[in-house]
Amino acid sequence: MNIDPLYTAYHQAIGSWKGCDWPTRFGPQSLDLKGMTSTQARTIANATSSTESRSWHEAATWLRGVEQAAAKAEGLAKSAVSLAVSGQLLQAFSFARQACELEREYRSEPIWRNLCDTIEAMLEEQGPIADTHCSHIVHGPVMMAWSMNSTSSTPKTGHARSSPKSS
């Protein structure tokens, strides 16, 4: 079993997703959080007042969730590599697929998809396998936004087409 493609896929993706790296229109002020960390948003929240401060606190909380999801996906990918190297390809594929699915909740193109595809190819080399295909993981651009008509502060997933809009 050649594991070089496995390591290549892992090393190409590691550290690539750490937080919000897509345009957003978050909250009633339509904040664009692209490239911002939860710490930066919390700093702005503490420096502002009233409605603006609330919006930035909510943004900081949401960004923290994105950062945690990114870290969890990376941990799943690392486990997938370890399992694959030890010959446990089905379990490795399951972990890689979970990393992609978690990331897909936020991003349109999961960086861990290549790892998933690589492990899938390794499984296929061993013979016929059940429904493992990674191709279903990407369904189009996904953007997180908070519905401006909602009373909830929970971000919602929406699909963006040509221009970012809140869902």
Protein backbone atom coordinates (compact mmCIF):
# COMPACT_ATOMS: atom_id res chain seq x y z
CA MET A 1 0.00 0.00 0.00
CA ASN A 2 1.51 3.30 -1.15
CA ILE A 3 0.88 5.92 1.56
CA ASP A 4 2.69 8.81 -0.15
CA PRO A 5 -0.54 10.22 -1.68
CA LEU A 6 -2.11 10.06 1.78
CA TYR A 7 0.63 12.18 3.33
CA THR A 8 0.59 14.55 0.36
CA ALA A 9 -3.18 15.12 0.69
CA TYR A 10 -2.87 15.68 4.43
CA HIS A 11 0.08 18.07 4.24
CA GLN A 12 -1.52 20.10 1.44
CA ALA A 13 -4.58 20.75 3.59
CA ILE A 14 -3.26 21.03 7.13
CA GLY A 15 -3.57 24.55 8.52
CA SER A 16 -5.51 25.77 5.46
CA TRP A 17 -8.81 26.28 7.29
CA LYS A 18 -8.68 28.02 10.63
CA GLY A 19 -11.77 30.23 10.54
CA CYS A 20 -14.07 32.33 8.38
CA ASP A 21 -12.37 32.75 5.01
CA TRP A 22 -15.42 33.68 2.93
CA PRO A 23 -17.53 36.87 2.71
CA THR A 24 -20.46 37.11 5.11
CA ARG A 25 -23.34 39.40 5.91
CA PHE A 26 -23.66 38.70 9.59
CA GLY A 27 -26.37 40.19 11.77
CA PRO A 28 -28.47 43.30 11.28
CA GLN A 29 -25.36 45.32 10.44
CA SER A 30 -24.34 42.85 7.70
CA LEU A 31 -20.84 42.46 9.11
CA ASP A 32 -18.29 40.94 6.75
CA LEU A 33 -16.29 38.60 8.97
CA LYS A 34 -14.00 37.23 6.27
CA GLY A 35 -10.48 36.83 7.65
CA MET A 36 -11.48 37.93 11.15
CA THR A 37 -10.83 35.88 14.28
CA SER A 38 -13.13 35.57 17.25
CA THR A 39 -10.54 37.43 19.34
CA GLN A 40 -10.56 40.36 16.92
CA ALA A 41 -14.37 40.47 16.91
CA ARG A 42 -14.45 40.36 20.72
CA THR A 43 -11.96 43.27 20.84
CA ILE A 44 -14.21 45.33 18.57
CA ALA A 45 -17.24 44.35 20.67
CA ASN A 46 -15.51 45.60 23.80
CA ALA A 47 -14.56 48.87 22.08
CA THR A 48 -18.09 49.66 20.88
CA SER A 49 -21.42 50.12 22.60
CA SER A 50 -25.10 49.25 22.35
CA THR A 51 -26.37 47.48 19.23
CA GLU A 52 -23.00 47.49 17.52
CA SER A 53 -21.37 45.90 20.55
CA ARG A 54 -24.06 43.20 20.68
CA SER A 55 -23.57 42.44 16.98
CA TRP A 56 -19.82 42.07 17.44
CA HIS A 57 -20.26 39.86 20.53
CA GLU A 58 -22.59 37.60 18.51
CA ALA A 59 -20.09 37.61 15.64
CA ALA A 60 -17.28 36.67 18.03
CA THR A 61 -19.32 33.76 19.35
CA TRP A 62 -20.12 32.56 15.83
CA LEU A 63 -16.50 32.94 14.72
CA ARG A 64 -15.38 30.91 17.73
CA GLY A 65 -17.71 28.12 16.55
CA VAL A 66 -16.15 28.25 13.07
CA GLU A 67 -12.66 28.11 14.58
CA GLN A 68 -13.65 25.14 16.74
CA ALA A 69 -15.15 23.33 13.74
CA ALA A 70 -11.95 23.92 11.76
CA ALA A 71 -9.85 22.52 14.60
CA LYS A 72 -12.14 19.52 14.99
CA ALA A 73 -12.04 18.80 11.23
CA GLU A 74 -8.25 18.95 11.30
CA GLY A 75 -8.20 16.54 14.25
CA LEU A 76 -10.49 14.14 12.39
CA ALA A 77 -8.22 14.33 9.35
CA LYS A 78 -5.15 13.60 11.48
CA SER A 79 -6.90 10.58 12.97
CA ALA A 80 -7.88 9.46 9.46
CA VAL A 81 -4.24 9.48 8.39
CA SER A 82 -3.15 7.52 11.47
CA LEU A 83 -5.87 4.94 10.91
CA ALA A 84 -5.06 4.61 7.22
CA VAL A 85 -1.36 4.13 7.90
CA SER A 86 -2.22 1.34 10.35
CA GLY A 87 -4.35 -0.34 7.68
CA GLN A 88 -7.76 0.56 9.12
CA LEU A 89 -9.01 2.11 5.89
CA LEU A 90 -12.76 1.94 6.54
CA GLN A 91 -12.37 3.74 9.85
CA ALA A 92 -9.94 6.18 8.24
CA PHE A 93 -12.45 6.91 5.50
CA SER A 94 -15.16 7.49 8.09
CA PHE A 95 -13.00 10.06 9.90
CA ALA A 96 -12.00 11.81 6.66
CA ARG A 97 -15.62 11.95 5.55
CA GLN A 98 -16.64 13.43 8.90
CA ALA A 99 -13.96 16.11 8.49
CA CYS A 100 -15.37 17.02 5.06
CA GLU A 101 -18.96 17.02 6.24
CA LEU A 102 -18.14 19.20 9.23
CA GLU A 103 -16.27 21.63 7.02
CA ARG A 104 -19.07 21.65 4.43
CA GLU A 105 -21.34 23.18 7.06
CA TYR A 106 -19.28 26.35 6.58
CA ARG A 107 -17.30 26.19 3.34
CA SER A 108 -18.25 25.28 -0.21
CA GLU A 109 -15.04 23.37 -1.05
CA PRO A 110 -13.78 21.23 1.83
CA ILE A 111 -10.00 21.24 1.97
CA TRP A 112 -10.16 17.72 3.39
CA ARG A 113 -11.94 16.35 0.30
CA ASN A 114 -8.64 15.33 -1.35
CA LEU A 115 -7.76 13.31 1.75
CA CYS A 116 -11.18 11.67 1.64
CA ASP A 117 -10.77 10.91 -2.07
CA THR A 118 -7.28 9.49 -1.46
CA ILE A 119 -8.48 7.13 1.27
CA GLU A 120 -11.44 6.16 -0.90
CA ALA A 121 -9.02 5.24 -3.71
CA MET A 122 -6.98 3.17 -1.26
CA LEU A 123 -10.14 1.34 -0.24
CA GLU A 124 -11.10 0.72 -3.86
CA GLU A 125 -7.68 -0.85 -4.46
CA GLN A 126 -8.65 -3.46 -1.89
CA GLY A 127 -11.82 -4.41 -3.77
CA PRO A 128 -15.50 -3.47 -3.97
CA ILE A 129 -16.79 -1.24 -1.19
CA ALA A 130 -20.15 0.14 -0.13
CA ASP A 131 -21.29 3.76 -0.65
CA THR A 132 -18.22 5.75 0.31
CA HIS A 133 -18.09 8.33 -2.44
CA CYS A 134 -16.90 11.78 -1.39
CA SER A 135 -18.37 13.46 -4.45
CA HIS A 136 -21.67 14.13 -2.67
CA ILE A 137 -19.93 16.25 -0.06
CA VAL A 138 -19.85 19.46 -2.11
CA HIS A 139 -23.20 20.89 -3.20
CA GLY A 140 -22.29 24.45 -4.18
CA PRO A 141 -21.11 27.58 -2.44
CA VAL A 142 -22.21 27.73 1.15
CA MET A 143 -22.28 30.90 3.16
CA MET A 144 -23.14 31.40 6.78
CA ALA A 145 -25.32 34.37 7.56
CA TRP A 146 -27.72 35.46 10.23
CA SER A 147 -31.20 36.09 8.96
CA MET A 148 -31.98 39.75 9.45
CA ASN A 149 -35.66 38.87 9.94
CA SER A 150 -34.90 36.40 12.69
CA THR A 151 -35.15 37.09 16.39
CA SER A 152 -32.54 34.43 16.98
CA SER A 153 -28.84 35.17 17.09
CA THR A 154 -28.08 31.79 15.55
CA PRO A 155 -26.40 31.94 12.13
CA LYS A 156 -28.10 30.02 9.37
CA THR A 157 -26.63 28.25 6.39
CA GLY A 158 -27.59 29.55 3.00
CA HIS A 159 -26.39 28.91 -0.48
CA ALA A 160 -24.76 31.78 -2.32
CA ARG A 161 -24.75 32.02 -6.07
CA SER A 162 -23.20 35.01 -7.81
CA SER A 163 -23.19 37.43 -4.92
CA PRO A 164 -23.17 36.92 -1.15
CA LYS A 165 -26.62 37.40 0.36
CA SER A 166 -28.03 36.44 3.68
CA SER A 167 -30.44 33.56 3.60
